[in-house]
mmCIF file of all heavy atoms, coordinates in Angstrom:
data_MODEL
# 
_entry.id   MODEL 
# 
loop_
_atom_site.group_PDB 
_atom_site.id 
_atom_site.type_symbol 
_atom_site.label_atom_id 
_atom_site.label_alt_id 
_atom_site.label_comp_id 
_atom_site.label_asym_id 
_atom_site.label_entity_id 
_atom_site.label_seq_id 
_atom_site.pdbx_PDB_ins_code 
_atom_site.Cartn_x 
_atom_site.Cartn_y 
_atom_site.Cartn_z 
_atom_site.occupancy 
_atom_site.B_iso_or_equiv 
_atom_site.pdbx_formal_charge 
_atom_site.auth_seq_id 
_atom_site.auth_comp_id 
_atom_site.auth_asym_id 
_atom_site.auth_atom_id 
_atom_site.pdbx_PDB_model_num 
ATOM 1   N N   . GLN A 1 1  ? 83.342  106.788 106.310 1.00 0.00 ? 1  GLN A N   1 
ATOM 2   C CA  . GLN A 1 1  ? 84.794  106.589 106.464 1.00 0.00 ? 1  GLN A CA  1 
ATOM 3   C C   . GLN A 1 1  ? 85.278  107.348 107.714 1.00 0.00 ? 1  GLN A C   1 
ATOM 4   O O   . GLN A 1 1  ? 84.663  108.339 108.139 1.00 0.00 ? 1  GLN A O   1 
ATOM 5   C CB  . GLN A 1 1  ? 85.548  107.107 105.232 1.00 0.00 ? 1  GLN A CB  1 
ATOM 6   C CG  . GLN A 1 1  ? 85.223  106.362 103.951 1.00 0.00 ? 1  GLN A CG  1 
ATOM 7   C CD  . GLN A 1 1  ? 85.856  107.034 102.757 1.00 0.00 ? 1  GLN A CD  1 
ATOM 8   O OE1 . GLN A 1 1  ? 85.809  108.259 102.609 1.00 0.00 ? 1  GLN A OE1 1 
ATOM 9   N NE2 . GLN A 1 1  ? 86.459  106.234 101.900 1.00 0.00 ? 1  GLN A NE2 1 
ATOM 10  N N   . ILE A 1 2  ? 86.403  106.914 108.208 1.00 0.00 ? 2  ILE A N   1 
ATOM 11  C CA  . ILE A 1 2  ? 87.039  107.621 109.334 1.00 0.00 ? 2  ILE A CA  1 
ATOM 12  C C   . ILE A 1 2  ? 88.434  108.038 108.874 1.00 0.00 ? 2  ILE A C   1 
ATOM 13  O O   . ILE A 1 2  ? 89.173  107.238 108.273 1.00 0.00 ? 2  ILE A O   1 
ATOM 14  C CB  . ILE A 1 2  ? 87.154  106.724 110.582 1.00 0.00 ? 2  ILE A CB  1 
ATOM 15  C CG1 . ILE A 1 2  ? 85.761  106.431 111.152 1.00 0.00 ? 2  ILE A CG1 1 
ATOM 16  C CG2 . ILE A 1 2  ? 88.026  107.401 111.644 1.00 0.00 ? 2  ILE A CG2 1 
ATOM 17  C CD1 . ILE A 1 2  ? 85.795  105.524 112.390 1.00 0.00 ? 2  ILE A CD1 1 
ATOM 18  N N   . ILE A 1 3  ? 88.749  109.281 109.143 1.00 0.00 ? 3  ILE A N   1 
ATOM 19  C CA  . ILE A 1 3  ? 90.105  109.760 108.836 1.00 0.00 ? 3  ILE A CA  1 
ATOM 20  C C   . ILE A 1 3  ? 90.836  109.917 110.170 1.00 0.00 ? 3  ILE A C   1 
ATOM 21  O O   . ILE A 1 3  ? 90.302  110.490 111.126 1.00 0.00 ? 3  ILE A O   1 
ATOM 22  C CB  . ILE A 1 3  ? 90.054  111.115 108.075 1.00 0.00 ? 3  ILE A CB  1 
ATOM 23  C CG1 . ILE A 1 3  ? 91.496  111.567 107.757 1.00 0.00 ? 3  ILE A CG1 1 
ATOM 24  C CG2 . ILE A 1 3  ? 89.302  112.180 108.816 1.00 0.00 ? 3  ILE A CG2 1 
ATOM 25  C CD1 . ILE A 1 3  ? 91.541  112.740 106.798 1.00 0.00 ? 3  ILE A CD1 1 
ATOM 26  N N   . ALA A 1 4  ? 92.038  109.400 110.220 1.00 0.00 ? 4  ALA A N   1 
ATOM 27  C CA  . ALA A 1 4  ? 92.843  109.414 111.466 1.00 0.00 ? 4  ALA A CA  1 
ATOM 28  C C   . ALA A 1 4  ? 94.223  109.961 111.179 1.00 0.00 ? 4  ALA A C   1 
ATOM 29  O O   . ALA A 1 4  ? 94.790  109.715 110.097 1.00 0.00 ? 4  ALA A O   1 
ATOM 30  C CB  . ALA A 1 4  ? 92.905  108.025 112.063 1.00 0.00 ? 4  ALA A CB  1 
ATOM 31  N N   . THR A 1 5  ? 94.769  110.658 112.162 1.00 0.00 ? 5  THR A N   1 
ATOM 32  C CA  . THR A 1 5  ? 96.111  111.255 112.019 1.00 0.00 ? 5  THR A CA  1 
ATOM 33  C C   . THR A 1 5  ? 97.134  110.423 112.787 1.00 0.00 ? 5  THR A C   1 
ATOM 34  O O   . THR A 1 5  ? 96.907  110.088 113.961 1.00 0.00 ? 5  THR A O   1 
ATOM 35  C CB  . THR A 1 5  ? 96.107  112.699 112.541 1.00 0.00 ? 5  THR A CB  1 
ATOM 36  O OG1 . THR A 1 5  ? 95.150  113.466 111.804 1.00 0.00 ? 5  THR A OG1 1 
ATOM 37  C CG2 . THR A 1 5  ? 97.465  113.337 112.388 1.00 0.00 ? 5  THR A CG2 1 
ATOM 38  N N   . PHE A 1 6  ? 98.259  110.136 112.090 1.00 0.00 ? 6  PHE A N   1 
ATOM 39  C CA  . PHE A 1 6  ? 99.368  109.380 112.694 1.00 0.00 ? 6  PHE A CA  1 
ATOM 40  C C   . PHE A 1 6  ? 100.625 110.250 112.619 1.00 0.00 ? 6  PHE A C   1 
ATOM 41  O O   . PHE A 1 6  ? 101.379 110.157 111.633 1.00 0.00 ? 6  PHE A O   1 
ATOM 42  C CB  . PHE A 1 6  ? 99.581  108.073 111.953 1.00 0.00 ? 6  PHE A CB  1 
ATOM 43  C CG  . PHE A 1 6  ? 98.445  107.109 112.054 1.00 0.00 ? 6  PHE A CG  1 
ATOM 44  C CD1 . PHE A 1 6  ? 97.338  107.205 111.200 1.00 0.00 ? 6  PHE A CD1 1 
ATOM 45  C CD2 . PHE A 1 6  ? 98.421  106.092 113.009 1.00 0.00 ? 6  PHE A CD2 1 
ATOM 46  C CE1 . PHE A 1 6  ? 96.271  106.329 111.293 1.00 0.00 ? 6  PHE A CE1 1 
ATOM 47  C CE2 . PHE A 1 6  ? 97.358  105.204 113.099 1.00 0.00 ? 6  PHE A CE2 1 
ATOM 48  C CZ  . PHE A 1 6  ? 96.272  105.328 112.249 1.00 0.00 ? 6  PHE A CZ  1 
ATOM 49  N N   . PRO A 1 7  ? 100.885 111.073 113.612 1.00 0.00 ? 7  PRO A N   1 
ATOM 50  C CA  . PRO A 1 7  ? 102.035 111.997 113.576 1.00 0.00 ? 7  PRO A CA  1 
ATOM 51  C C   . PRO A 1 7  ? 103.398 111.281 113.588 1.00 0.00 ? 7  PRO A C   1 
ATOM 52  O O   . PRO A 1 7  ? 104.373 111.820 113.073 1.00 0.00 ? 7  PRO A O   1 
ATOM 53  C CB  . PRO A 1 7  ? 101.854 112.852 114.821 1.00 0.00 ? 7  PRO A CB  1 
ATOM 54  C CG  . PRO A 1 7  ? 100.422 112.669 115.233 1.00 0.00 ? 7  PRO A CG  1 
ATOM 55  C CD  . PRO A 1 7  ? 100.082 111.284 114.822 1.00 0.00 ? 7  PRO A CD  1 
ATOM 56  N N   . VAL A 1 8  ? 103.427 110.092 114.186 1.00 0.00 ? 8  VAL A N   1 
ATOM 57  C CA  . VAL A 1 8  ? 104.686 109.348 114.269 1.00 0.00 ? 8  VAL A CA  1 
ATOM 58  C C   . VAL A 1 8  ? 104.898 108.605 112.950 1.00 0.00 ? 8  VAL A C   1 
ATOM 59  O O   . VAL A 1 8  ? 104.103 107.722 112.590 1.00 0.00 ? 8  VAL A O   1 
ATOM 60  C CB  . VAL A 1 8  ? 104.689 108.371 115.452 1.00 0.00 ? 8  VAL A CB  1 
ATOM 61  C CG1 . VAL A 1 8  ? 106.025 107.638 115.518 1.00 0.00 ? 8  VAL A CG1 1 
ATOM 62  C CG2 . VAL A 1 8  ? 104.413 109.111 116.740 1.00 0.00 ? 8  VAL A CG2 1 
ATOM 63  N N   . ALA A 1 9  ? 105.941 108.983 112.209 1.00 0.00 ? 9  ALA A N   1 
ATOM 64  C CA  . ALA A 1 9  ? 106.158 108.436 110.885 1.00 0.00 ? 9  ALA A CA  1 
ATOM 65  C C   . ALA A 1 9  ? 106.261 106.916 110.882 1.00 0.00 ? 9  ALA A C   1 
ATOM 66  O O   . ALA A 1 9  ? 105.719 106.240 110.011 1.00 0.00 ? 9  ALA A O   1 
ATOM 67  C CB  . ALA A 1 9  ? 107.422 109.057 110.279 1.00 0.00 ? 9  ALA A CB  1 
ATOM 68  N N   . ASP A 1 10 ? 106.990 106.366 111.867 1.00 0.00 ? 10 ASP A N   1 
ATOM 69  C CA  . ASP A 1 10 ? 107.155 104.891 111.913 1.00 0.00 ? 10 ASP A CA  1 
ATOM 70  C C   . ASP A 1 10 ? 105.818 104.194 112.065 1.00 0.00 ? 10 ASP A C   1 
ATOM 71  O O   . ASP A 1 10 ? 105.575 103.146 111.451 1.00 0.00 ? 10 ASP A O   1 
ATOM 72  C CB  . ASP A 1 10 ? 108.079 104.504 113.064 1.00 0.00 ? 10 ASP A CB  1 
ATOM 73  C CG  . ASP A 1 10 ? 109.535 104.921 112.796 1.00 0.00 ? 10 ASP A CG  1 
ATOM 74  O OD1 . ASP A 1 10 ? 109.863 105.162 111.622 1.00 0.00 ? 10 ASP A OD1 1 
ATOM 75  O OD2 . ASP A 1 10 ? 110.321 104.993 113.751 1.00 0.00 ? 10 ASP A OD2 1 
ATOM 76  N N   . GLU A 1 11 ? 104.930 104.737 112.896 1.00 0.00 ? 11 GLU A N   1 
ATOM 77  C CA  . GLU A 1 11 ? 103.610 104.134 113.101 1.00 0.00 ? 11 GLU A CA  1 
ATOM 78  C C   . GLU A 1 11 ? 102.743 104.264 111.829 1.00 0.00 ? 11 GLU A C   1 
ATOM 79  O O   . GLU A 1 11 ? 102.017 103.333 111.477 1.00 0.00 ? 11 GLU A O   1 
ATOM 80  C CB  . GLU A 1 11 ? 102.910 104.784 114.285 1.00 0.00 ? 11 GLU A CB  1 
ATOM 81  C CG  . GLU A 1 11 ? 103.616 104.481 115.618 1.00 0.00 ? 11 GLU A CG  1 
ATOM 82  C CD  . GLU A 1 11 ? 102.987 105.195 116.782 1.00 0.00 ? 11 GLU A CD  1 
ATOM 83  O OE1 . GLU A 1 11 ? 102.183 106.144 116.569 1.00 0.00 ? 11 GLU A OE1 1 
ATOM 84  O OE2 . GLU A 1 11 ? 103.256 104.801 117.953 1.00 0.00 ? 11 GLU A OE2 1 
ATOM 85  N N   . LEU A 1 12 ? 102.858 105.386 111.182 1.00 0.00 ? 12 LEU A N   1 
ATOM 86  C CA  . LEU A 1 12 ? 102.126 105.595 109.927 1.00 0.00 ? 12 LEU A CA  1 
ATOM 87  C C   . LEU A 1 12 ? 102.528 104.552 108.887 1.00 0.00 ? 12 LEU A C   1 
ATOM 88  O O   . LEU A 1 12 ? 101.668 103.893 108.281 1.00 0.00 ? 12 LEU A O   1 
ATOM 89  C CB  . LEU A 1 12 ? 102.405 107.019 109.388 1.00 0.00 ? 12 LEU A CB  1 
ATOM 90  C CG  . LEU A 1 12 ? 101.865 107.324 107.981 1.00 0.00 ? 12 LEU A CG  1 
ATOM 91  C CD1 . LEU A 1 12 ? 100.344 107.517 108.043 1.00 0.00 ? 12 LEU A CD1 1 
ATOM 92  C CD2 . LEU A 1 12 ? 102.519 108.573 107.415 1.00 0.00 ? 12 LEU A CD2 1 
ATOM 93  N N   . HIS A 1 13 ? 103.815 104.375 108.704 1.00 0.00 ? 13 HIS A N   1 
ATOM 94  C CA  . HIS A 1 13 ? 104.313 103.422 107.710 1.00 0.00 ? 13 HIS A CA  1 
ATOM 95  C C   . HIS A 1 13 ? 103.985 101.985 108.118 1.00 0.00 ? 13 HIS A C   1 
ATOM 96  O O   . HIS A 1 13 ? 103.751 101.137 107.248 1.00 0.00 ? 13 HIS A O   1 
ATOM 97  C CB  . HIS A 1 13 ? 105.830 103.604 107.530 1.00 0.00 ? 13 HIS A CB  1 
ATOM 98  C CG  . HIS A 1 13 ? 106.191 104.937 106.964 1.00 0.00 ? 13 HIS A CG  1 
ATOM 99  N ND1 . HIS A 1 13 ? 107.336 105.615 107.294 1.00 0.00 ? 13 HIS A ND1 1 
ATOM 100 C CD2 . HIS A 1 13 ? 105.540 105.737 106.085 1.00 0.00 ? 13 HIS A CD2 1 
ATOM 101 C CE1 . HIS A 1 13 ? 107.392 106.758 106.645 1.00 0.00 ? 13 HIS A CE1 1 
ATOM 102 N NE2 . HIS A 1 13 ? 106.305 106.869 105.909 1.00 0.00 ? 13 HIS A NE2 1 
ATOM 103 N N   . MET A 1 14 ? 103.984 101.733 109.413 1.00 0.00 ? 14 MET A N   1 
ATOM 104 C CA  . MET A 1 14 ? 103.633 100.376 109.887 1.00 0.00 ? 14 MET A CA  1 
ATOM 105 C C   . MET A 1 14 ? 102.180 100.060 109.492 1.00 0.00 ? 14 MET A C   1 
ATOM 106 O O   . MET A 1 14 ? 101.871 98.939  109.034 1.00 0.00 ? 14 MET A O   1 
ATOM 107 C CB  . MET A 1 14 ? 103.800 100.299 111.400 1.00 0.00 ? 14 MET A CB  1 
ATOM 108 C CG  . MET A 1 14 ? 103.405 98.947  111.995 1.00 0.00 ? 14 MET A CG  1 
ATOM 109 S SD  . MET A 1 14 ? 103.682 98.868  113.784 1.00 0.00 ? 14 MET A SD  1 
ATOM 110 C CE  . MET A 1 14 ? 102.601 100.191 114.356 1.00 0.00 ? 14 MET A CE  1 
ATOM 111 N N   . VAL A 1 15 ? 101.285 101.009 109.703 1.00 0.00 ? 15 VAL A N   1 
ATOM 112 C CA  . VAL A 1 15 ? 99.865  100.802 109.337 1.00 0.00 ? 15 VAL A CA  1 
ATOM 113 C C   . VAL A 1 15 ? 99.756  100.550 107.838 1.00 0.00 ? 15 VAL A C   1 
ATOM 114 O O   . VAL A 1 15 ? 99.050  99.644  107.388 1.00 0.00 ? 15 VAL A O   1 
ATOM 115 C CB  . VAL A 1 15 ? 99.021  102.009 109.770 1.00 0.00 ? 15 VAL A CB  1 
ATOM 116 C CG1 . VAL A 1 15 ? 97.593  101.866 109.220 1.00 0.00 ? 15 VAL A CG1 1 
ATOM 117 C CG2 . VAL A 1 15 ? 99.000  102.137 111.282 1.00 0.00 ? 15 VAL A CG2 1 
ATOM 118 N N   . LEU A 1 16 ? 100.440 101.352 107.044 1.00 0.00 ? 16 LEU A N   1 
ATOM 119 C CA  . LEU A 1 16 ? 100.372 101.193 105.595 1.00 0.00 ? 16 LEU A CA  1 
ATOM 120 C C   . LEU A 1 16 ? 100.946 99.849  105.149 1.00 0.00 ? 16 LEU A C   1 
ATOM 121 O O   . LEU A 1 16 ? 100.431 99.213  104.219 1.00 0.00 ? 16 LEU A O   1 
ATOM 122 C CB  . LEU A 1 16 ? 101.106 102.351 104.903 1.00 0.00 ? 16 LEU A CB  1 
ATOM 123 C CG  . LEU A 1 16 ? 100.471 103.750 105.079 1.00 0.00 ? 16 LEU A CG  1 
ATOM 124 C CD1 . LEU A 1 16 ? 101.382 104.814 104.464 1.00 0.00 ? 16 LEU A CD1 1 
ATOM 125 C CD2 . LEU A 1 16 ? 99.093  103.793 104.456 1.00 0.00 ? 16 LEU A CD2 1 
ATOM 126 N N   . ARG A 1 17 ? 102.017 99.393  105.792 1.00 0.00 ? 17 ARG A N   1 
ATOM 127 C CA  . ARG A 1 17 ? 102.630 98.107  105.434 1.00 0.00 ? 17 ARG A CA  1 
ATOM 128 C C   . ARG A 1 17 ? 101.656 96.951  105.726 1.00 0.00 ? 17 ARG A C   1 
ATOM 129 O O   . ARG A 1 17 ? 101.616 95.965  105.009 1.00 0.00 ? 17 ARG A O   1 
ATOM 130 C CB  . ARG A 1 17 ? 103.943 97.889  106.193 1.00 0.00 ? 17 ARG A CB  1 
ATOM 131 C CG  . ARG A 1 17 ? 105.107 98.692  105.669 1.00 0.00 ? 17 ARG A CG  1 
ATOM 132 C CD  . ARG A 1 17 ? 106.433 98.144  106.207 1.00 0.00 ? 17 ARG A CD  1 
ATOM 133 N NE  . ARG A 1 17 ? 106.437 98.035  107.662 1.00 0.00 ? 17 ARG A NE  1 
ATOM 134 C CZ  . ARG A 1 17 ? 106.850 99.044  108.462 1.00 0.00 ? 17 ARG A CZ  1 
ATOM 135 N NH1 . ARG A 1 17 ? 107.243 100.187 107.935 1.00 0.00 ? 17 ARG A NH1 1 
ATOM 136 N NH2 . ARG A 1 17 ? 106.867 98.864  109.769 1.00 0.00 ? 17 ARG A NH2 1 
ATOM 137 N N   . HIS A 1 18 ? 100.889 97.070  106.779 1.00 0.00 ? 18 HIS A N   1 
ATOM 138 C CA  . HIS A 1 18 ? 99.967  96.015  107.170 1.00 0.00 ? 18 HIS A CA  1 
ATOM 139 C C   . HIS A 1 18 ? 98.673  96.014  106.336 1.00 0.00 ? 18 HIS A C   1 
ATOM 140 O O   . HIS A 1 18 ? 97.805  95.165  106.547 1.00 0.00 ? 18 HIS A O   1 
ATOM 141 C CB  . HIS A 1 18 ? 99.613  96.120  108.644 1.00 0.00 ? 18 HIS A CB  1 
ATOM 142 C CG  . HIS A 1 18 ? 100.677 95.580  109.562 1.00 0.00 ? 18 HIS A CG  1 
ATOM 143 N ND1 . HIS A 1 18 ? 101.866 96.200  109.779 1.00 0.00 ? 18 HIS A ND1 1 
ATOM 144 C CD2 . HIS A 1 18 ? 100.705 94.424  110.326 1.00 0.00 ? 18 HIS A CD2 1 
ATOM 145 C CE1 . HIS A 1 18 ? 102.599 95.509  110.626 1.00 0.00 ? 18 HIS A CE1 1 
ATOM 146 N NE2 . HIS A 1 18 ? 101.924 94.427  110.967 1.00 0.00 ? 18 HIS A NE2 1 
ATOM 147 N N   . SER A 1 19 ? 98.561  96.980  105.402 1.00 0.00 ? 19 SER A N   1 
ATOM 148 C CA  . SER A 1 19 ? 97.325  97.033  104.595 1.00 0.00 ? 19 SER A CA  1 
ATOM 149 C C   . SER A 1 19 ? 97.147  95.824  103.714 1.00 0.00 ? 19 SER A C   1 
ATOM 150 O O   . SER A 1 19 ? 96.046  95.544  103.239 1.00 0.00 ? 19 SER A O   1 
ATOM 151 C CB  . SER A 1 19 ? 97.345  98.314  103.722 1.00 0.00 ? 19 SER A CB  1 
ATOM 152 O OG  . SER A 1 19 ? 98.421  98.278  102.793 1.00 0.00 ? 19 SER A OG  1 
ATOM 153 N N   . ASN A 1 20 ? 98.238  95.036  103.489 1.00 0.00 ? 20 ASN A N   1 
ATOM 154 C CA  . ASN A 1 20 ? 98.099  93.852  102.653 1.00 0.00 ? 20 ASN A CA  1 
ATOM 155 C C   . ASN A 1 20 ? 97.228  92.771  103.324 1.00 0.00 ? 20 ASN A C   1 
ATOM 156 O O   . ASN A 1 20 ? 96.793  91.824  102.697 1.00 0.00 ? 20 ASN A O   1 
ATOM 157 C CB  . ASN A 1 20 ? 99.496  93.264  102.311 1.00 0.00 ? 20 ASN A CB  1 
ATOM 158 C CG  . ASN A 1 20 ? 100.319 92.915  103.539 1.00 0.00 ? 20 ASN A CG  1 
ATOM 159 O OD1 . ASN A 1 20 ? 99.864  93.065  104.668 1.00 0.00 ? 20 ASN A OD1 1 
ATOM 160 N ND2 . ASN A 1 20 ? 101.525 92.442  103.319 1.00 0.00 ? 20 ASN A ND2 1 
ATOM 161 N N   . ARG A 1 21 ? 96.973  92.941  104.614 1.00 0.00 ? 21 ARG A N   1 
ATOM 162 C CA  . ARG A 1 21 ? 96.132  91.986  105.325 1.00 0.00 ? 21 ARG A CA  1 
ATOM 163 C C   . ARG A 1 21 ? 94.624  92.218  105.004 1.00 0.00 ? 21 ARG A C   1 
ATOM 164 O O   . ARG A 1 21 ? 93.795  91.445  105.430 1.00 0.00 ? 21 ARG A O   1 
ATOM 165 C CB  . ARG A 1 21 ? 96.338  92.120  106.833 1.00 0.00 ? 21 ARG A CB  1 
ATOM 166 C CG  . ARG A 1 21 ? 97.769  91.786  107.264 1.00 0.00 ? 21 ARG A CG  1 
ATOM 167 C CD  . ARG A 1 21 ? 97.953  91.993  108.768 1.00 0.00 ? 21 ARG A CD  1 
ATOM 168 N NE  . ARG A 1 21 ? 99.323  91.744  109.196 1.00 0.00 ? 21 ARG A NE  1 
ATOM 169 C CZ  . ARG A 1 21 ? 99.797  90.559  109.537 1.00 0.00 ? 21 ARG A CZ  1 
ATOM 170 N NH1 . ARG A 1 21 ? 99.010  89.506  109.530 1.00 0.00 ? 21 ARG A NH1 1 
ATOM 171 N NH2 . ARG A 1 21 ? 101.056 90.418  109.907 1.00 0.00 ? 21 ARG A NH2 1 
ATOM 172 N N   . LEU A 1 22 ? 94.341  93.252  104.230 1.00 0.00 ? 22 LEU A N   1 
ATOM 173 C CA  . LEU A 1 22 ? 92.947  93.552  103.887 1.00 0.00 ? 22 LEU A CA  1 
ATOM 174 C C   . LEU A 1 22 ? 92.531  92.965  102.536 1.00 0.00 ? 22 LEU A C   1 
ATOM 175 O O   . LEU A 1 22 ? 91.410  93.181  102.098 1.00 0.00 ? 22 LEU A O   1 
ATOM 176 C CB  . LEU A 1 22 ? 92.753  95.096  103.852 1.00 0.00 ? 22 LEU A CB  1 
ATOM 177 C CG  . LEU A 1 22 ? 93.080  95.862  105.125 1.00 0.00 ? 22 LEU A CG  1 
ATOM 178 C CD1 . LEU A 1 22 ? 92.922  97.351  104.897 1.00 0.00 ? 22 LEU A CD1 1 
ATOM 179 C CD2 . LEU A 1 22 ? 92.200  95.388  106.271 1.00 0.00 ? 22 LEU A CD2 1 
ATOM 180 N N   . ARG A 1 23 ? 93.425  92.212  101.924 1.00 0.00 ? 23 ARG A N   1 
ATOM 181 C CA  . ARG A 1 23 ? 93.124  91.683  100.578 1.00 0.00 ? 23 ARG A CA  1 
ATOM 182 C C   . ARG A 1 23 ? 91.885  90.791  100.548 1.00 0.00 ? 23 ARG A C   1 
ATOM 183 O O   . ARG A 1 23 ? 91.147  90.788  99.570  1.00 0.00 ? 23 ARG A O   1 
ATOM 184 C CB  . ARG A 1 23 ? 94.333  90.923  100.046 1.00 0.00 ? 23 ARG A CB  1 
ATOM 185 C CG  . ARG A 1 23 ? 95.533  91.833  99.726  1.00 0.00 ? 23 ARG A CG  1 
ATOM 186 C CD  . ARG A 1 23 ? 96.731  91.022  99.317  1.00 0.00 ? 23 ARG A CD  1 
ATOM 187 N NE  . ARG A 1 23 ? 97.902  91.881  99.072  1.00 0.00 ? 23 ARG A NE  1 
ATOM 188 C CZ  . ARG A 1 23 ? 99.114  91.418  98.829  1.00 0.00 ? 23 ARG A CZ  1 
ATOM 189 N NH1 . ARG A 1 23 ? 99.348  90.101  98.813  1.00 0.00 ? 23 ARG A NH1 1 
ATOM 190 N NH2 . ARG A 1 23 ? 100.114 92.255  98.604  1.00 0.00 ? 23 ARG A NH2 1 
ATOM 191 N N   . GLU A 1 24 ? 91.684  90.042  101.565 1.00 0.00 ? 24 GLU A N   1 
ATOM 192 C CA  . GLU A 1 24 ? 90.550  89.112  101.596 1.00 0.00 ? 24 GLU A CA  1 
ATOM 193 C C   . GLU A 1 24 ? 89.335  89.729  102.323 1.00 0.00 ? 24 GLU A C   1 
ATOM 194 O O   . GLU A 1 24 ? 88.402  89.010  102.664 1.00 0.00 ? 24 GLU A O   1 
ATOM 195 C CB  . GLU A 1 24 ? 90.966  87.812  102.339 1.00 0.00 ? 24 GLU A CB  1 
ATOM 196 C CG  . GLU A 1 24 ? 92.166  87.101  101.711 1.00 0.00 ? 24 GLU A CG  1 
ATOM 197 C CD  . GLU A 1 24 ? 91.917  86.700  100.266 1.00 0.00 ? 24 GLU A CD  1 
ATOM 198 O OE1 . GLU A 1 24 ? 90.763  86.361  99.944  1.00 0.00 ? 24 GLU A OE1 1 
ATOM 199 O OE2 . GLU A 1 24 ? 92.874  86.746  99.477  1.00 0.00 ? 24 GLU A OE2 1 
ATOM 200 N N   . THR A 1 25 ? 89.362  91.011  102.539 1.00 0.00 ? 25 THR A N   1 
ATOM 201 C CA  . THR A 1 25 ? 88.254  91.698  103.203 1.00 0.00 ? 25 THR A CA  1 
ATOM 202 C C   . THR A 1 25 ? 87.688  92.776  102.283 1.00 0.00 ? 25 THR A C   1 
ATOM 203 O O   . THR A 1 25 ? 88.192  93.020  101.186 1.00 0.00 ? 25 THR A O   1 
ATOM 204 C CB  . THR A 1 25 ? 88.703  92.341  104.521 1.00 0.00 ? 25 THR A CB  1 
ATOM 205 O OG1 . THR A 1 25 ? 89.498  93.507  104.218 1.00 0.00 ? 25 THR A OG1 1 
ATOM 206 C CG2 . THR A 1 25 ? 89.522  91.387  105.351 1.00 0.00 ? 25 THR A CG2 1 
ATOM 207 N N   . LYS A 1 26 ? 86.659  93.445  102.794 1.00 0.00 ? 26 LYS A N   1 
ATOM 208 C CA  . LYS A 1 26 ? 86.082  94.578  102.068 1.00 0.00 ? 26 LYS A CA  1 
ATOM 209 C C   . LYS A 1 26 ? 86.376  95.877  102.826 1.00 0.00 ? 26 LYS A C   1 
ATOM 210 O O   . LYS A 1 26 ? 85.665  96.864  102.649 1.00 0.00 ? 26 LYS A O   1 
ATOM 211 C CB  . LYS A 1 26 ? 84.588  94.381  101.878 1.00 0.00 ? 26 LYS A CB  1 
ATOM 212 C CG  . LYS A 1 26 ? 84.261  93.253  100.898 1.00 0.00 ? 26 LYS A CG  1 
ATOM 213 C CD  . LYS A 1 26 ? 82.766  93.177  100.616 1.00 0.00 ? 26 LYS A CD  1 
ATOM 214 C CE  . LYS A 1 26 ? 82.469  92.082  99.581  1.00 0.00 ? 26 LYS A CE  1 
ATOM 215 N NZ  . LYS A 1 26 ? 81.018  91.974  99.296  1.00 0.00 ? 26 LYS A NZ  1 
ATOM 216 N N   . HIS A 1 27 ? 87.417  95.806  103.649 1.00 0.00 ? 27 HIS A N   1 
ATOM 217 C CA  . HIS A 1 27 ? 87.912  97.018  104.287 1.00 0.00 ? 27 HIS A CA  1 
ATOM 218 C C   . HIS A 1 27 ? 89.031  97.600  103.414 1.00 0.00 ? 27 HIS A C   1 
ATOM 219 O O   . HIS A 1 27 ? 89.752  96.877  102.753 1.00 0.00 ? 27 HIS A O   1 
ATOM 220 C CB  . HIS A 1 27 ? 88.494  96.698  105.673 1.00 0.00 ? 27 HIS A CB  1 
ATOM 221 C CG  . HIS A 1 27 ? 87.505  96.070  106.622 1.00 0.00 ? 27 HIS A CG  1 
ATOM 222 N ND1 . HIS A 1 27 ? 86.325  96.649  106.948 1.00 0.00 ? 27 HIS A ND1 1 
ATOM 223 C CD2 . HIS A 1 27 ? 87.592  94.900  107.328 1.00 0.00 ? 27 HIS A CD2 1 
ATOM 224 C CE1 . HIS A 1 27 ? 85.684  95.872  107.813 1.00 0.00 ? 27 HIS A CE1 1 
ATOM 225 N NE2 . HIS A 1 27 ? 86.426  94.798  108.049 1.00 0.00 ? 27 HIS A NE2 1 
# 
């Protein structure tokens, strides 16, 4: 696994919001 830091709150939340695109993957 890779752990990454996102200090900018808006960018952090944007990444988490886009996590629904992983439903058909094994990521």
